[in-house]
Each structure stands twice: as C-alpha cells, then as structure tokens.
Amino acid sequence: MNSFIPFSFLPSGSEWIIILLVILLLFGGKKIPELMKGLGKGVKSFKEGVNEAKEEINKAKDEIKEDVEK
C-alpha cells in the first residue's frame, strides 16, 4: 500500500517543545521579544505588499474592462 501523508515531515507536539527550548537556550530570554517584534514587522510588511499587489491587479482589471466596454 502506497500512502502519502502530506506534511508528515513536520514536527509533532513534543518535538515543538524541544525546538522552543533550543531557541530559548540559543537566544536567551531577552533576545526573543526582539526577534518576535522583527518577525511581526516582517509579516506586516508582507501583508501590505500583498494588498498593494491586489489593488494594482484590480486597477488593471478595471481599466481593461473599461477599454473592452468602449
């Protein structure tokens, strides 16, 4: 039987705890909030970029629609 389970390579519950402990040991308690703040800014910037791209696509679509109607 050849079954494929997507994302089977991702860590399970206990593995996440070990990963978090290693991150805590590597970066320390003081550095983690700074890392999360930077990550949050990156996500916000990415979302803004996606929204701008959607607006550009919608504007182009509307312009093409207007040209076709004329």
PDB file of N, CA and C in Angstrom:
ATOM      1  N   MET A   1       0.846  -1.179   0.000  1.00  0.00           N
ATOM      2  CA  MET A   1       0.000   0.000   0.000  1.00  0.00           C
ATOM      3  C   MET A   1       0.890   1.240   0.000  1.00  0.00           C
ATOM      4  N   ASN A   2       0.683   2.089  -0.958  1.00  0.00           N
ATOM      5  CA  ASN A   2       1.494   3.278  -1.105  1.00  0.00           C
ATOM      6  C   ASN A   2       0.675   4.498  -0.694  1.00  0.00           C
ATOM      7  N   SER A   3       0.788   4.895   0.549  1.00  0.00           N
ATOM      8  CA  SER A   3       0.028   6.053   1.032  1.00  0.00           C
ATOM      9  C   SER A   3       0.985   7.208   1.289  1.00  0.00           C
ATOM     10  N   PHE A   4       0.555   8.387   0.891  1.00  0.00           N
ATOM     11  CA  PHE A   4       1.355   9.590   1.075  1.00  0.00           C
ATOM     12  C   PHE A   4       0.604  10.534   1.995  1.00  0.00           C
ATOM     13  N   ILE A   5       1.239  10.899   3.092  1.00  0.00           N
ATOM     14  CA  ILE A   5       0.628  11.823   4.044  1.00  0.00           C
ATOM     15  C   ILE A   5       1.341  13.160   3.907  1.00  0.00           C
ATOM     16  N   PRO A   6       0.636  14.178   3.415  1.00  0.00           N
ATOM     17  CA  PRO A   6       1.291  15.479   3.268  1.00  0.00           C
ATOM     18  C   PRO A   6       1.728  16.036   4.615  1.00  0.00           C
ATOM     19  N   PHE A   7       2.836  16.722   4.606  1.00  0.00           N
ATOM     20  CA  PHE A   7       3.390  17.367   5.796  1.00  0.00           C
ATOM     21  C   PHE A   7       3.757  16.373   6.901  1.00  0.00           C
ATOM     22  N   SER A   8       4.038  15.153   6.541  1.00  0.00           N
ATOM     23  CA  SER A   8       4.417  14.173   7.553  1.00  0.00           C
ATOM     24  C   SER A   8       5.806  14.459   8.114  1.00  0.00           C
ATOM     25  N   PHE A   9       6.550  15.342   7.463  1.00  0.00           N
ATOM     26  CA  PHE A   9       7.889  15.671   7.910  1.00  0.00           C
ATOM     27  C   PHE A   9       7.902  16.761   8.974  1.00  0.00           C
ATOM     28  N   LEU A  10       6.759  17.377   9.263  1.00  0.00           N
ATOM     29  CA  LEU A  10       6.700  18.440  10.261  1.00  0.00           C
ATOM     30  C   LEU A  10       6.791  17.860  11.667  1.00  0.00           C
ATOM     31  N   PRO A  11       7.363  18.628  12.594  1.00  0.00           N
ATOM     32  CA  PRO A  11       7.485  18.130  13.974  1.00  0.00           C
ATOM     33  C   PRO A  11       6.123  17.956  14.646  1.00  0.00           C
ATOM     34  N   SER A  12       6.069  17.003  15.555  1.00  0.00           N
ATOM     35  CA  SER A  12       4.839  16.776  16.320  1.00  0.00           C
ATOM     36  C   SER A  12       4.904  17.582  17.619  1.00  0.00           C
ATOM     37  N   GLY A  13       3.985  17.352  18.529  1.00  0.00           N
ATOM     38  CA  GLY A  13       3.860  18.155  19.750  1.00  0.00           C
ATOM     39  C   GLY A  13       5.101  18.213  20.606  1.00  0.00           C
ATOM     40  N   SER A  14       5.659  17.064  20.969  1.00  0.00           N
ATOM     41  CA  SER A  14       6.821  17.060  21.859  1.00  0.00           C
ATOM     42  C   SER A  14       8.061  17.616  21.164  1.00  0.00           C
ATOM     43  N   GLU A  15       8.154  17.454  19.858  1.00  0.00           N
ATOM     44  CA  GLU A  15       9.297  17.991  19.133  1.00  0.00           C
ATOM     45  C   GLU A  15       9.285  19.515  19.120  1.00  0.00           C
ATOM     46  N   TRP A  16       8.097  20.120  19.091  1.00  0.00           N
ATOM     47  CA  TRP A  16       7.999  21.582  19.146  1.00  0.00           C
ATOM     48  C   TRP A  16       8.549  22.108  20.471  1.00  0.00           C
ATOM     49  N   ILE A  17       8.284  21.387  21.548  1.00  0.00           N
ATOM     50  CA  ILE A  17       8.774  21.813  22.868  1.00  0.00           C
ATOM     51  C   ILE A  17      10.294  21.808  22.879  1.00  0.00           C
ATOM     52  N   ILE A  18      10.892  20.772  22.314  1.00  0.00           N
ATOM     53  CA  ILE A  18      12.351  20.684  22.260  1.00  0.00           C
ATOM     54  C   ILE A  18      12.912  21.818  21.403  1.00  0.00           C
ATOM     55  N   ILE A  19      12.285  22.087  20.268  1.00  0.00           N
ATOM     56  CA  ILE A  19      12.733  23.172  19.391  1.00  0.00           C
ATOM     57  C   ILE A  19      12.665  24.510  20.124  1.00  0.00           C
ATOM     58  N   LEU A  20      11.579  24.755  20.844  1.00  0.00           N
ATOM     59  CA  LEU A  20      11.434  26.013  21.589  1.00  0.00           C
ATOM     60  C   LEU A  20      12.485  26.144  22.685  1.00  0.00           C
ATOM     61  N   LEU A  21      12.790  25.043  23.360  1.00  0.00           N
ATOM     62  CA  LEU A  21      13.825  25.081  24.396  1.00  0.00           C
ATOM     63  C   LEU A  21      15.193  25.380  23.798  1.00  0.00           C
ATOM     64  N   VAL A  22      15.505  24.804  22.658  1.00  0.00           N
ATOM     65  CA  VAL A  22      16.785  25.074  21.994  1.00  0.00           C
ATOM     66  C   VAL A  22      16.867  26.548  21.591  1.00  0.00           C
ATOM     67  N   ILE A  23      15.782  27.091  21.054  1.00  0.00           N
ATOM     68  CA  ILE A  23      15.762  28.515  20.683  1.00  0.00           C
ATOM     69  C   ILE A  23      15.974  29.382  21.915  1.00  0.00           C
ATOM     70  N   LEU A  24      15.331  29.022  23.020  1.00  0.00           N
ATOM     71  CA  LEU A  24      15.495  29.783  24.260  1.00  0.00           C
ATOM     72  C   LEU A  24      16.937  29.742  24.737  1.00  0.00           C
ATOM     73  N   LEU A  25      17.570  28.583  24.626  1.00  0.00           N
ATOM     74  CA  LEU A  25      18.969  28.472  25.049  1.00  0.00           C
ATOM     75  C   LEU A  25      19.904  29.259  24.127  1.00  0.00           C
ATOM     76  N   LEU A  26      19.625  29.250  22.830  1.00  0.00           N
ATOM     77  CA  LEU A  26      20.496  29.931  21.880  1.00  0.00           C
ATOM     78  C   LEU A  26      20.398  31.448  21.977  1.00  0.00           C
ATOM     79  N   PHE A  27      19.197  31.957  22.084  1.00  0.00           N
ATOM     80  CA  PHE A  27      19.000  33.403  22.014  1.00  0.00           C
ATOM     81  C   PHE A  27      18.802  34.056  23.375  1.00  0.00           C
ATOM     82  N   GLY A  28      18.388  33.312  24.361  1.00  0.00           N
ATOM     83  CA  GLY A  28      18.170  33.885  25.678  1.00  0.00           C
ATOM     84  C   GLY A  28      16.822  34.579  25.779  1.00  0.00           C
ATOM     85  N   GLY A  29      16.367  34.806  26.979  1.00  0.00           N
ATOM     86  CA  GLY A  29      15.051  35.383  27.221  1.00  0.00           C
ATOM     87  C   GLY A  29      14.925  36.837  26.786  1.00  0.00           C
ATOM     88  N   LYS A  30      16.022  37.574  26.783  1.00  0.00           N
ATOM     89  CA  LYS A  30      15.961  38.988  26.437  1.00  0.00           C
ATOM     90  C   LYS A  30      15.876  39.195  24.926  1.00  0.00           C
ATOM     91  N   LYS A  31      16.451  38.304  24.160  1.00  0.00           N
ATOM     92  CA  LYS A  31      16.527  38.489  22.714  1.00  0.00           C
ATOM     93  C   LYS A  31      15.254  38.021  22.006  1.00  0.00           C
ATOM     94  N   ILE A  32      14.518  37.103  22.576  1.00  0.00           N
ATOM     95  CA  ILE A  32      13.334  36.534  21.922  1.00  0.00           C
ATOM     96  C   ILE A  32      12.260  37.592  21.636  1.00  0.00           C
ATOM     97  N   PRO A  33      11.920  38.485  22.582  1.00  0.00           N
ATOM     98  CA  PRO A  33      10.928  39.515  22.245  1.00  0.00           C
ATOM     99  C   PRO A  33      11.351  40.395  21.064  1.00  0.00           C
ATOM    100  N   GLU A  34      12.658  40.693  20.983  1.00  0.00           N
ATOM    101  CA  GLU A  34      13.146  41.480  19.850  1.00  0.00           C
ATOM    102  C   GLU A  34      12.984  40.707  18.545  1.00  0.00           C
ATOM    103  N   LEU A  35      13.255  39.412  18.583  1.00  0.00           N
ATOM    104  CA  LEU A  35      13.091  38.582  17.385  1.00  0.00           C
ATOM    105  C   LEU A  35      11.626  38.537  16.954  1.00  0.00           C
ATOM    106  N   MET A  36      10.737  38.391  17.911  1.00  0.00           N
ATOM    107  CA  MET A  36       9.312  38.325  17.587  1.00  0.00           C
ATOM    108  C   MET A  36       8.805  39.665  17.048  1.00  0.00           C
ATOM    109  N   LYS A  37       9.341  40.757  17.590  1.00  0.00           N
ATOM    110  CA  LYS A  37       8.958  42.087  17.108  1.00  0.00           C
ATOM    111  C   LYS A  37       9.386  42.256  15.651  1.00  0.00           C
ATOM    112  N   GLY A  38      10.589  41.835  15.341  1.00  0.00           N
ATOM    113  CA  GLY A  38      11.076  41.894  13.970  1.00  0.00           C
ATOM    114  C   GLY A  38      10.269  41.003  13.045  1.00  0.00           C
ATOM    115  N   LEU A  39       9.906  39.830  13.528  1.00  0.00           N
ATOM    116  CA  LEU A  39       9.081  38.919  12.740  1.00  0.00           C
ATOM    117  C   LEU A  39       7.711  39.527  12.478  1.00  0.00           C
ATOM    118  N   GLY A  40       7.135  40.160  13.471  1.00  0.00           N
ATOM    119  CA  GLY A  40       5.836  40.817  13.308  1.00  0.00           C
ATOM    120  C   GLY A  40       5.894  41.941  12.289  1.00  0.00           C
ATOM    121  N   LYS A  41       6.971  42.726  12.327  1.00  0.00           N
ATOM    122  CA  LYS A  41       7.129  43.800  11.344  1.00  0.00           C
ATOM    123  C   LYS A  41       7.263  43.230   9.938  1.00  0.00           C
ATOM    124  N   GLY A  42       7.975  42.121   9.827  1.00  0.00           N
ATOM    125  CA  GLY A  42       8.132  41.482   8.524  1.00  0.00           C
ATOM    126  C   GLY A  42       6.815  40.973   7.980  1.00  0.00           C
ATOM    127  N   VAL A  43       6.008  40.371   8.829  1.00  0.00           N
ATOM    128  CA  VAL A  43       4.698  39.869   8.407  1.00  0.00           C
ATOM    129  C   VAL A  43       3.794  41.024   8.001  1.00  0.00           C
ATOM    130  N   LYS A  44       3.833  42.109   8.771  1.00  0.00           N
ATOM    131  CA  LYS A  44       3.017  43.284   8.452  1.00  0.00           C
ATOM    132  C   LYS A  44       3.419  43.863   7.100  1.00  0.00           C
ATOM    133  N   SER A  45       4.708  43.963   6.863  1.00  0.00           N
ATOM    134  CA  SER A  45       5.212  44.485   5.595  1.00  0.00           C
ATOM    135  C   SER A  45       4.796  43.582   4.439  1.00  0.00           C
ATOM    136  N   PHE A  46       4.864  42.285   4.649  1.00  0.00           N
ATOM    137  CA  PHE A  46       4.468  41.332   3.612  1.00  0.00           C
ATOM    138  C   PHE A  46       2.985  41.478   3.278  1.00  0.00           C
ATOM    139  N   LYS A  47       2.150  41.602   4.307  1.00  0.00           N
ATOM    140  CA  LYS A  47       0.709  41.768   4.088  1.00  0.00           C
ATOM    141  C   LYS A  47       0.414  43.059   3.329  1.00  0.00           C
ATOM    142  N   GLU A  48       1.119  44.131   3.675  1.00  0.00           N
ATOM    143  CA  GLU A  48       0.932  45.395   2.963  1.00  0.00           C
ATOM    144  C   GLU A  48       1.319  45.238   1.501  1.00  0.00           C
ATOM    145  N   GLY A  49       2.395  44.540   1.235  1.00  0.00           N
ATOM    146  CA  GLY A  49       2.820  44.297  -0.138  1.00  0.00           C
ATOM    147  C   GLY A  49       1.801  43.488  -0.916  1.00  0.00           C
ATOM    148  N   VAL A  50       1.226  42.487  -0.281  1.00  0.00           N
ATOM    149  CA  VAL A  50       0.204  41.666  -0.939  1.00  0.00           C
ATOM    150  C   VAL A  50      -1.030  42.511  -1.241  1.00  0.00           C
ATOM    151  N   ASN A  51      -1.431  43.355  -0.293  1.00  0.00           N
ATOM    152  CA  ASN A  51      -2.593  44.216  -0.519  1.00  0.00           C
ATOM    153  C   ASN A  51      -2.344  45.208  -1.652  1.00  0.00           C
ATOM    154  N   GLU A  52      -1.136  45.759  -1.713  1.00  0.00           N
ATOM    155  CA  GLU A  52      -0.810  46.681  -2.803  1.00  0.00           C
ATOM    156  C   GLU A  52      -0.853  45.968  -4.147  1.00  0.00           C
ATOM    157  N   ALA A  53      -0.348  44.741  -4.187  1.00  0.00           N
ATOM    158  CA  ALA A  53      -0.368  43.971  -5.432  1.00  0.00           C
ATOM    159  C   ALA A  53      -1.805  43.686  -5.858  1.00  0.00           C
ATOM    160  N   LYS A  54      -2.665  43.348  -4.897  1.00  0.00           N
ATOM    161  CA  LYS A  54      -4.077  43.099  -5.215  1.00  0.00           C
ATOM    162  C   LYS A  54      -4.733  44.354  -5.779  1.00  0.00           C
ATOM    163  N   GLU A  55      -4.439  45.509  -5.176  1.00  0.00           N
ATOM    164  CA  GLU A  55      -5.005  46.770  -5.664  1.00  0.00           C
ATOM    165  C   GLU A  55      -4.543  47.059  -7.091  1.00  0.00           C
ATOM    166  N   GLU A  56      -3.259  46.832  -7.366  1.00  0.00           N
ATOM    167  CA  GLU A  56      -2.733  47.055  -8.715  1.00  0.00           C
ATOM    168  C   GLU A  56      -3.426  46.142  -9.725  1.00  0.00           C
ATOM    169  N   ILE A  57      -3.608  44.889  -9.352  1.00  0.00           N
ATOM    170  CA  ILE A  57      -4.263  43.937 -10.249  1.00  0.00           C
ATOM    171  C   ILE A  57      -5.709  44.351 -10.498  1.00  0.00           C
ATOM    172  N   ASN A  58      -6.405  44.752  -9.440  1.00  0.00           N
ATOM    173  CA  ASN A  58      -7.801  45.182  -9.602  1.00  0.00           C
ATOM    174  C   ASN A  58      -7.907  46.431 -10.467  1.00  0.00           C
ATOM    175  N   LYS A  59      -6.971  47.383 -10.299  1.00  0.00           N
ATOM    176  CA  LYS A  59      -6.986  48.587 -11.134  1.00  0.00           C
ATOM    177  C   LYS A  59      -6.775  48.224 -12.597  1.00  0.00           C
ATOM    178  N   ALA A  60      -5.812  47.347 -12.860  1.00  0.00           N
ATOM    179  CA  ALA A  60      -5.542  46.931 -14.239  1.00  0.00           C
ATOM    180  C   ALA A  60      -6.744  46.202 -14.827  1.00  0.00           C
ATOM    181  N   LYS A  61      -7.385  45.374 -14.019  1.00  0.00           N
ATOM    182  CA  LYS A  61      -8.569  44.643 -14.481  1.00  0.00           C
ATOM    183  C   LYS A  61      -9.700  45.607 -14.814  1.00  0.00           C
ATOM    184  N   ASP A  62      -9.904  46.609 -13.967  1.00  0.00           N
ATOM    185  CA  ASP A  62     -10.954  47.603 -14.219  1.00  0.00           C
ATOM    186  C   ASP A  62     -10.663  48.411 -15.484  1.00  0.00           C
ATOM    187  N   GLU A  63      -9.378  48.781 -15.682  1.00  0.00           N
ATOM    188  CA  GLU A  63      -9.023  49.530 -16.876  1.00  0.00           C
ATOM    189  C   GLU A  63      -9.263  48.708 -18.138  1.00  0.00           C
ATOM    190  N   ILE A  64      -8.922  47.445 -18.101  1.00  0.00           N
ATOM    191  CA  ILE A  64      -9.155  46.556 -19.258  1.00  0.00           C
ATOM    192  C   ILE A  64     -10.647  46.404 -19.494  1.00  0.00           C
ATOM    193  N   LYS A  65     -11.401  46.281 -18.422  1.00  0.00           N
ATOM    194  CA  LYS A  65     -12.856  46.140 -18.554  1.00  0.00           C
ATOM    195  C   LYS A  65     -13.456  47.389 -19.188  1.00  0.00           C
ATOM    196  N   GLU A  66     -12.991  48.574 -18.782  1.00  0.00           N
ATOM    197  CA  GLU A  66     -13.475  49.818 -19.363  1.00  0.00           C
ATOM    198  C   GLU A  66     -13.120  49.922 -20.845  1.00  0.00           C
ATOM    199  N   ASP A  67     -11.913  49.508 -21.200  1.00  0.00           N
ATOM    200  CA  ASP A  67     -11.485  49.546 -22.594  1.00  0.00           C
ATOM    201  C   ASP A  67     -12.328  48.606 -23.458  1.00  0.00           C
ATOM    202  N   VAL A  68     -12.664  47.458 -22.934  1.00  0.00           N
ATOM    203  CA  VAL A  68     -13.469  46.495 -23.680  1.00  0.00           C
ATOM    204  C   VAL A  68     -14.888  47.018 -23.883  1.00  0.00           C
ATOM    205  N   GLU A  69     -15.418  47.696 -22.867  1.00  0.00           N
ATOM    206  CA  GLU A  69     -16.773  48.224 -22.968  1.00  0.00           C
ATOM    207  C   GLU A  69     -16.871  49.378 -23.963  1.00  0.00           C
ATOM    208  N   LYS A  70     -15.800  50.109 -24.199  1.00  0.00           N
ATOM    209  CA  LYS A  70     -15.798  51.242 -25.132  1.00  0.00           C
ATOM    210  C   LYS A  70     -15.717  50.733 -26.513  1.00  0.00           C
TER     211      LYS A  70
END
